[in-house]
């Protein structure tokens, strides 16, 4: 699980002696920047990892189907 970094917001939120917050929470999650432009030379490492994950999943399904078929033909 990925940790969420928090940083103080510059909206001046304060607490009023136990009363409700006057404004929204002063801590907001730091959102990662979405970049669509490729960085450096070579493929995007996120896409490489996704391709590996999908390939492993497909290989596992094919292997399980072959093993199941093999068990039924032996009986």
PDB file of N, CA and C in Angstrom:
ATOM      1  N   UNK A   1       0.838  -1.153   0.000  1.00  0.00           N
ATOM      2  CA  UNK A   1       0.000   0.000   0.000  1.00  0.00           C
ATOM      3  C   UNK A   1       0.897   1.233   0.000  1.00  0.00           C
ATOM      4  N   UNK A   2       0.556   2.218  -0.789  1.00  0.00           N
ATOM      5  CA  UNK A   2       1.370   3.412  -0.922  1.00  0.00           C
ATOM      6  C   UNK A   2       0.986   4.438   0.128  1.00  0.00           C
ATOM      7  N   UNK A   3       2.004   5.071   0.726  1.00  0.00           N
ATOM      8  CA  UNK A   3       1.754   6.089   1.746  1.00  0.00           C
ATOM      9  C   UNK A   3       1.270   7.374   1.092  1.00  0.00           C
ATOM     10  N   UNK A   4       0.431   8.103   1.792  1.00  0.00           N
ATOM     11  CA  UNK A   4      -0.069   9.384   1.308  1.00  0.00           C
ATOM     12  C   UNK A   4       0.666  10.475   2.054  1.00  0.00           C
ATOM     13  N   UNK A   5       1.335  11.348   1.318  1.00  0.00           N
ATOM     14  CA  UNK A   5       2.032  12.468   1.928  1.00  0.00           C
ATOM     15  C   UNK A   5       1.045  13.599   2.166  1.00  0.00           C
ATOM     16  N   UNK A   6       1.181  14.248   3.314  1.00  0.00           N
ATOM     17  CA  UNK A   6       0.310  15.366   3.638  1.00  0.00           C
ATOM     18  C   UNK A   6       1.156  16.613   3.787  1.00  0.00           C
ATOM     19  N   UNK A   7       0.584  17.720   3.359  1.00  0.00           N
ATOM     20  CA  UNK A   7       1.271  18.993   3.537  1.00  0.00           C
ATOM     21  C   UNK A   7       0.255  20.026   3.989  1.00  0.00           C
ATOM     22  N   UNK A   8       0.713  20.983   4.774  1.00  0.00           N
ATOM     23  CA  UNK A   8      -0.222  22.004   5.231  1.00  0.00           C
ATOM     24  C   UNK A   8      -0.713  22.855   4.069  1.00  0.00           C
ATOM     25  N   UNK A   9      -1.990  23.151   4.087  1.00  0.00           N
ATOM     26  CA  UNK A   9      -2.559  24.014   3.056  1.00  0.00           C
ATOM     27  C   UNK A   9      -2.340  25.463   3.466  1.00  0.00           C
ATOM     28  N   UNK A  10      -2.308  26.355   2.529  1.00  0.00           N
ATOM     29  CA  UNK A  10      -2.065  27.762   2.829  1.00  0.00           C
ATOM     30  C   UNK A  10      -3.373  28.544   2.898  1.00  0.00           C
ATOM     31  N   UNK A  11      -4.455  27.893   3.351  1.00  0.00           N
ATOM     32  CA  UNK A  11      -5.742  28.574   3.396  1.00  0.00           C
ATOM     33  C   UNK A  11      -6.033  29.188   4.765  1.00  0.00           C
ATOM     34  N   UNK A  12      -5.098  29.088   5.706  1.00  0.00           N
ATOM     35  CA  UNK A  12      -5.253  29.730   7.006  1.00  0.00           C
ATOM     36  C   UNK A  12      -6.283  29.090   7.913  1.00  0.00           C
ATOM     37  N   UNK A  13      -6.552  27.809   7.773  1.00  0.00           N
ATOM     38  CA  UNK A  13      -7.546  27.141   8.611  1.00  0.00           C
ATOM     39  C   UNK A  13      -7.053  27.093  10.054  1.00  0.00           C
ATOM     40  N   UNK A  14      -7.927  27.419  10.983  1.00  0.00           N
ATOM     41  CA  UNK A  14      -7.564  27.396  12.397  1.00  0.00           C
ATOM     42  C   UNK A  14      -8.677  26.761  13.196  1.00  0.00           C
ATOM     43  N   UNK A  15      -8.333  26.334  14.427  1.00  0.00           N
ATOM     44  CA  UNK A  15      -9.343  25.774  15.324  1.00  0.00           C
ATOM     45  C   UNK A  15      -9.746  26.865  16.305  1.00  0.00           C
ATOM     46  N   UNK A  16     -10.983  26.904  16.683  1.00  0.00           N
ATOM     47  CA  UNK A  16     -11.488  27.942  17.564  1.00  0.00           C
ATOM     48  C   UNK A  16     -11.877  27.326  18.896  1.00  0.00           C
ATOM     49  N   UNK A  17     -10.892  27.029  19.774  1.00  0.00           N
ATOM     50  CA  UNK A  17     -11.102  26.494  21.120  1.00  0.00           C
ATOM     51  C   UNK A  17     -12.127  25.370  21.168  1.00  0.00           C
ATOM     52  N   UNK A  18     -11.889  24.311  20.450  1.00  0.00           N
ATOM     53  CA  UNK A  18     -12.751  23.148  20.511  1.00  0.00           C
ATOM     54  C   UNK A  18     -13.985  23.232  19.637  1.00  0.00           C
ATOM     55  N   UNK A  19     -14.274  24.387  19.098  1.00  0.00           N
ATOM     56  CA  UNK A  19     -15.426  24.492  18.197  1.00  0.00           C
ATOM     57  C   UNK A  19     -15.057  23.902  16.846  1.00  0.00           C
ATOM     58  N   UNK A  20     -16.013  23.818  16.000  1.00  0.00           N
ATOM     59  CA  UNK A  20     -15.803  23.309  14.649  1.00  0.00           C
ATOM     60  C   UNK A  20     -14.704  24.053  13.918  1.00  0.00           C
ATOM     61  N   UNK A  21     -14.105  23.400  12.993  1.00  0.00           N
ATOM     62  CA  UNK A  21     -13.119  24.080  12.152  1.00  0.00           C
ATOM     63  C   UNK A  21     -13.835  25.122  11.321  1.00  0.00           C
ATOM     64  N   UNK A  22     -13.236  26.279  11.231  1.00  0.00           N
ATOM     65  CA  UNK A  22     -13.856  27.327  10.436  1.00  0.00           C
ATOM     66  C   UNK A  22     -13.761  27.009   8.956  1.00  0.00           C
ATOM     67  N   UNK A  23     -12.708  26.336   8.585  1.00  0.00           N
ATOM     68  CA  UNK A  23     -12.524  25.975   7.181  1.00  0.00           C
ATOM     69  C   UNK A  23     -12.188  24.508   7.106  1.00  0.00           C
ATOM     70  N   UNK A  24     -12.036  24.037   5.922  1.00  0.00           N
ATOM     71  CA  UNK A  24     -11.693  22.625   5.733  1.00  0.00           C
ATOM     72  C   UNK A  24     -10.365  22.305   6.386  1.00  0.00           C
ATOM     73  N   UNK A  25     -10.084  21.070   6.530  1.00  0.00           N
ATOM     74  CA  UNK A  25      -8.856  20.615   7.177  1.00  0.00           C
ATOM     75  C   UNK A  25      -7.632  21.282   6.565  1.00  0.00           C
ATOM     76  N   UNK A  26      -6.664  21.585   7.420  1.00  0.00           N
ATOM     77  CA  UNK A  26      -5.457  22.256   6.927  1.00  0.00           C
ATOM     78  C   UNK A  26      -4.483  21.271   6.291  1.00  0.00           C
ATOM     79  N   UNK A  27      -4.735  19.972   6.415  1.00  0.00           N
ATOM     80  CA  UNK A  27      -3.883  18.964   5.780  1.00  0.00           C
ATOM     81  C   UNK A  27      -4.616  18.358   4.595  1.00  0.00           C
ATOM     82  N   UNK A  28      -4.018  18.462   3.477  1.00  0.00           N
ATOM     83  CA  UNK A  28      -4.603  17.899   2.257  1.00  0.00           C
ATOM     84  C   UNK A  28      -3.600  16.956   1.611  1.00  0.00           C
ATOM     85  N   UNK A  29      -4.064  15.878   0.971  1.00  0.00           N
ATOM     86  CA  UNK A  29      -3.125  14.954   0.331  1.00  0.00           C
ATOM     87  C   UNK A  29      -2.381  15.633  -0.816  1.00  0.00           C
ATOM     88  N   UNK A  30      -1.110  15.293  -0.936  1.00  0.00           N
ATOM     89  CA  UNK A  30      -0.305  15.789  -2.050  1.00  0.00           C
ATOM     90  C   UNK A  30      -0.574  14.863  -3.221  1.00  0.00           C
ATOM     91  N   UNK A  31      -1.153  15.384  -4.263  1.00  0.00           N
ATOM     92  CA  UNK A  31      -1.501  14.564  -5.416  1.00  0.00           C
ATOM     93  C   UNK A  31      -0.320  14.487  -6.373  1.00  0.00           C
ATOM     94  N   UNK A  32      -0.012  13.274  -6.860  1.00  0.00           N
ATOM     95  CA  UNK A  32       1.088  13.155  -7.807  1.00  0.00           C
ATOM     96  C   UNK A  32       0.732  13.841  -9.124  1.00  0.00           C
ATOM     97  N   UNK A  33       1.736  14.366  -9.764  1.00  0.00           N
ATOM     98  CA  UNK A  33       1.525  15.044 -11.038  1.00  0.00           C
ATOM     99  C   UNK A  33       1.374  14.008 -12.139  1.00  0.00           C
ATOM    100  N   UNK A  34       0.353  14.160 -12.956  1.00  0.00           N
ATOM    101  CA  UNK A  34       0.131  13.247 -14.073  1.00  0.00           C
ATOM    102  C   UNK A  34       0.852  13.799 -15.285  1.00  0.00           C
ATOM    103  N   UNK A  35       1.827  13.050 -15.774  1.00  0.00           N
ATOM    104  CA  UNK A  35       2.557  13.476 -16.960  1.00  0.00           C
ATOM    105  C   UNK A  35       2.327  12.462 -18.056  1.00  0.00           C
ATOM    106  N   UNK A  36       1.953  12.939 -19.203  1.00  0.00           N
ATOM    107  CA  UNK A  36       1.707  12.057 -20.338  1.00  0.00           C
ATOM    108  C   UNK A  36       2.890  12.028 -21.296  1.00  0.00           C
ATOM    109  N   UNK A  37       3.792  12.961 -21.163  1.00  0.00           N
ATOM    110  CA  UNK A  37       4.964  13.001 -22.024  1.00  0.00           C
ATOM    111  C   UNK A  37       5.972  11.971 -21.527  1.00  0.00           C
ATOM    112  N   UNK A  38       6.575  11.216 -22.447  1.00  0.00           N
ATOM    113  CA  UNK A  38       7.564  10.224 -22.028  1.00  0.00           C
ATOM    114  C   UNK A  38       8.805  10.905 -21.445  1.00  0.00           C
ATOM    115  N   UNK A  39       9.369  10.288 -20.429  1.00  0.00           N
ATOM    116  CA  UNK A  39      10.590  10.797 -19.816  1.00  0.00           C
ATOM    117  C   UNK A  39      11.766   9.950 -20.266  1.00  0.00           C
ATOM    118  N   UNK A  40      12.775  10.581 -20.768  1.00  0.00           N
ATOM    119  CA  UNK A  40      13.983   9.867 -21.160  1.00  0.00           C
ATOM    120  C   UNK A  40      13.758   8.975 -22.372  1.00  0.00           C
ATOM    121  N   UNK A  41      14.738   8.158 -22.607  1.00  0.00           N
ATOM    122  CA  UNK A  41      14.663   7.220 -23.734  1.00  0.00           C
ATOM    123  C   UNK A  41      14.117   5.891 -23.237  1.00  0.00           C
ATOM    124  N   UNK A  42      13.366   5.230 -24.066  1.00  0.00           N
ATOM    125  CA  UNK A  42      12.858   3.920 -23.699  1.00  0.00           C
ATOM    126  C   UNK A  42      11.403   3.958 -23.293  1.00  0.00           C
ATOM    127  N   UNK A  43      10.846   2.767 -23.045  1.00  0.00           N
ATOM    128  CA  UNK A  43       9.415   2.661 -22.717  1.00  0.00           C
ATOM    129  C   UNK A  43       9.127   3.139 -21.297  1.00  0.00           C
ATOM    130  N   UNK A  44       7.878   3.470 -21.090  1.00  0.00           N
ATOM    131  CA  UNK A  44       7.410   3.887 -19.770  1.00  0.00           C
ATOM    132  C   UNK A  44       7.457   2.666 -18.847  1.00  0.00           C
ATOM    133  N   UNK A  45       8.155   2.743 -17.720  1.00  0.00           N
ATOM    134  CA  UNK A  45       8.276   1.581 -16.836  1.00  0.00           C
ATOM    135  C   UNK A  45       6.933   1.103 -16.290  1.00  0.00           C
ATOM    136  N   UNK A  46       5.953   1.992 -16.170  1.00  0.00           N
ATOM    137  CA  UNK A  46       4.631   1.565 -15.703  1.00  0.00           C
ATOM    138  C   UNK A  46       3.955   0.667 -16.724  1.00  0.00           C
ATOM    139  N   UNK A  47       4.133   0.993 -18.018  1.00  0.00           N
ATOM    140  CA  UNK A  47       3.542   0.152 -19.058  1.00  0.00           C
ATOM    141  C   UNK A  47       4.264  -1.180 -19.159  1.00  0.00           C
ATOM    142  N   UNK A  48       5.577  -1.180 -18.957  1.00  0.00           N
ATOM    143  CA  UNK A  48       6.337  -2.433 -18.974  1.00  0.00           C
ATOM    144  C   UNK A  48       5.855  -3.342 -17.860  1.00  0.00           C
ATOM    145  N   UNK A  49       5.677  -2.789 -16.673  1.00  0.00           N
ATOM    146  CA  UNK A  49       5.197  -3.586 -15.541  1.00  0.00           C
ATOM    147  C   UNK A  49       3.784  -4.104 -15.793  1.00  0.00           C
ATOM    148  N   UNK A  50       2.918  -3.281 -16.385  1.00  0.00           N
ATOM    149  CA  UNK A  50       1.566  -3.715 -16.716  1.00  0.00           C
ATOM    150  C   UNK A  50       1.596  -4.858 -17.724  1.00  0.00           C
ATOM    151  N   UNK A  51       2.447  -4.742 -18.738  1.00  0.00           N
ATOM    152  CA  UNK A  51       2.558  -5.809 -19.747  1.00  0.00           C
ATOM    153  C   UNK A  51       3.028  -7.108 -19.104  1.00  0.00           C
ATOM    154  N   UNK A  52       3.992  -7.024 -18.186  1.00  0.00           N
ATOM    155  CA  UNK A  52       4.472  -8.229 -17.497  1.00  0.00           C
ATOM    156  C   UNK A  52       3.373  -8.855 -16.656  1.00  0.00           C
ATOM    157  N   UNK A  53       2.627  -8.023 -15.953  1.00  0.00           N
ATOM    158  CA  UNK A  53       1.535  -8.519 -15.126  1.00  0.00           C
ATOM    159  C   UNK A  53       0.489  -9.235 -15.972  1.00  0.00           C
ATOM    160  N   UNK A  54       0.096  -8.628 -17.078  1.00  0.00           N
ATOM    161  CA  UNK A  54      -0.913  -9.242 -17.948  1.00  0.00           C
ATOM    162  C   UNK A  54      -0.394 -10.527 -18.584  1.00  0.00           C
ATOM    163  N   UNK A  55       0.895 -10.550 -18.952  1.00  0.00           N
ATOM    164  CA  UNK A  55       1.481 -11.757 -19.545  1.00  0.00           C
ATOM    165  C   UNK A  55       1.506 -12.899 -18.531  1.00  0.00           C
ATOM    166  N   UNK A  56       1.892 -12.595 -17.284  1.00  0.00           N
ATOM    167  CA  UNK A  56       1.897 -13.639 -16.250  1.00  0.00           C
ATOM    168  C   UNK A  56       0.497 -14.180 -16.007  1.00  0.00           C
ATOM    169  N   UNK A  57      -0.482 -13.283 -15.967  1.00  0.00           N
ATOM    170  CA  UNK A  57      -1.868 -13.705 -15.741  1.00  0.00           C
ATOM    171  C   UNK A  57      -2.353 -14.600 -16.880  1.00  0.00           C
ATOM    172  N   UNK A  58      -2.059 -14.213 -18.115  1.00  0.00           N
ATOM    173  CA  UNK A  58      -2.477 -15.015 -19.272  1.00  0.00           C
ATOM    174  C   UNK A  58      -1.781 -16.372 -19.271  1.00  0.00           C
ATOM    175  N   UNK A  59      -0.492 -16.381 -18.965  1.00  0.00           N
ATOM    176  CA  UNK A  59       0.257 -17.644 -18.930  1.00  0.00           C
ATOM    177  C   UNK A  59      -0.291 -18.565 -17.845  1.00  0.00           C
ATOM    178  N   UNK A  60      -0.632 -18.004 -16.703  1.00  0.00           N
ATOM    179  CA  UNK A  60      -1.181 -18.801 -15.601  1.00  0.00           C
ATOM    180  C   UNK A  60      -2.512 -19.426 -16.002  1.00  0.00           C
ATOM    181  N   UNK A  61      -3.365 -18.662 -16.687  1.00  0.00           N
ATOM    182  CA  UNK A  61      -4.668 -19.186 -17.115  1.00  0.00           C
ATOM    183  C   UNK A  61      -4.503 -20.308 -18.136  1.00  0.00           C
ATOM    184  N   UNK A  62      -3.579 -20.122 -19.068  1.00  0.00           N
ATOM    185  CA  UNK A  62      -3.345 -21.160 -20.081  1.00  0.00           C
ATOM    186  C   UNK A  62      -2.806 -22.417 -19.417  1.00  0.00           C
ATOM    187  N   UNK A  63      -1.844 -22.256 -18.510  1.00  0.00           N
ATOM    188  CA  UNK A  63      -1.268 -23.398 -17.811  1.00  0.00           C
ATOM    189  C   UNK A  63      -2.329 -24.152 -17.015  1.00  0.00           C
ATOM    190  N   UNK A  64      -3.168 -23.411 -16.275  1.00  0.00           N
ATOM    191  CA  UNK A  64      -4.225 -24.058 -15.494  1.00  0.00           C
ATOM    192  C   UNK A  64      -5.214 -24.792 -16.394  1.00  0.00           C
ATOM    193  N   UNK A  65      -5.545 -24.212 -17.541  1.00  0.00           N
ATOM    194  CA  UNK A  65      -6.463 -24.881 -18.475  1.00  0.00           C
ATOM    195  C   UNK A  65      -5.833 -26.157 -19.027  1.00  0.00           C
ATOM    196  N   UNK A  66      -4.540 -26.111 -19.337  1.00  0.00           N
ATOM    197  CA  UNK A  66      -3.856 -27.306 -19.845  1.00  0.00           C
ATOM    198  C   UNK A  66      -3.797 -28.396 -18.778  1.00  0.00           C
ATOM    199  N   UNK A  67      -3.522 -27.998 -17.538  1.00  0.00           N
ATOM    200  CA  UNK A  67      -3.461 -28.990 -16.463  1.00  0.00           C
ATOM    201  C   UNK A  67      -4.836 -29.607 -16.211  1.00  0.00           C
ATOM    202  N   UNK A  68      -5.874 -28.801 -16.282  1.00  0.00           N
ATOM    203  CA  UNK A  68      -7.226 -29.321 -16.087  1.00  0.00           C
ATOM    204  C   UNK A  68      -7.590 -30.273 -17.207  1.00  0.00           C
ATOM    205  N   UNK A  69      -7.263 -29.912 -18.429  1.00  0.00           N
ATOM    206  CA  UNK A  69      -7.537 -30.781 -19.583  1.00  0.00           C
ATOM    207  C   UNK A  69      -6.753 -32.086 -19.470  1.00  0.00           C
ATOM    208  N   UNK A  70      -5.522 -31.989 -19.020  1.00  0.00           N
ATOM    209  CA  UNK A  70      -4.668 -33.181 -18.873  1.00  0.00           C
ATOM    210  C   UNK A  70      -5.232 -34.128 -17.831  1.00  0.00           C
ATOM    211  N   UNK A  71      -5.759 -33.572 -16.730  1.00  0.00           N
ATOM    212  CA  UNK A  71      -6.348 -34.419 -15.678  1.00  0.00           C
ATOM    213  C   UNK A  71      -7.599 -35.137 -16.171  1.00  0.00           C
ATOM    214  N   UNK A  72      -8.414 -34.484 -16.962  1.00  0.00           N
ATOM    215  CA  UNK A  72      -9.665 -35.101 -17.421  1.00  0.00           C
ATOM    216  C   UNK A  72      -9.403 -36.171 -18.479  1.00  0.00           C
ATOM    217  N   UNK A  73      -8.352 -36.050 -19.277  1.00  0.00           N
ATOM    218  CA  UNK A  73      -8.079 -37.058 -20.306  1.00  0.00           C
ATOM    219  C   UNK A  73      -7.435 -38.305 -19.706  1.00  0.00           C
ATOM    220  N   UNK A  74      -6.771 -38.191 -18.572  1.00  0.00           N
ATOM    221  CA  UNK A  74      -6.141 -39.355 -17.929  1.00  0.00           C
ATOM    222  C   UNK A  74      -7.178 -40.234 -17.229  1.00  0.00           C
ATOM    223  N   UNK A  75      -8.227 -39.664 -16.755  1.00  0.00           N
ATOM    224  CA  UNK A  75      -9.211 -40.439 -15.967  1.00  0.00           C
ATOM    225  C   UNK A  75      -9.984 -41.402 -16.787  1.00  0.00           C
TER     226      UNK A  75
END
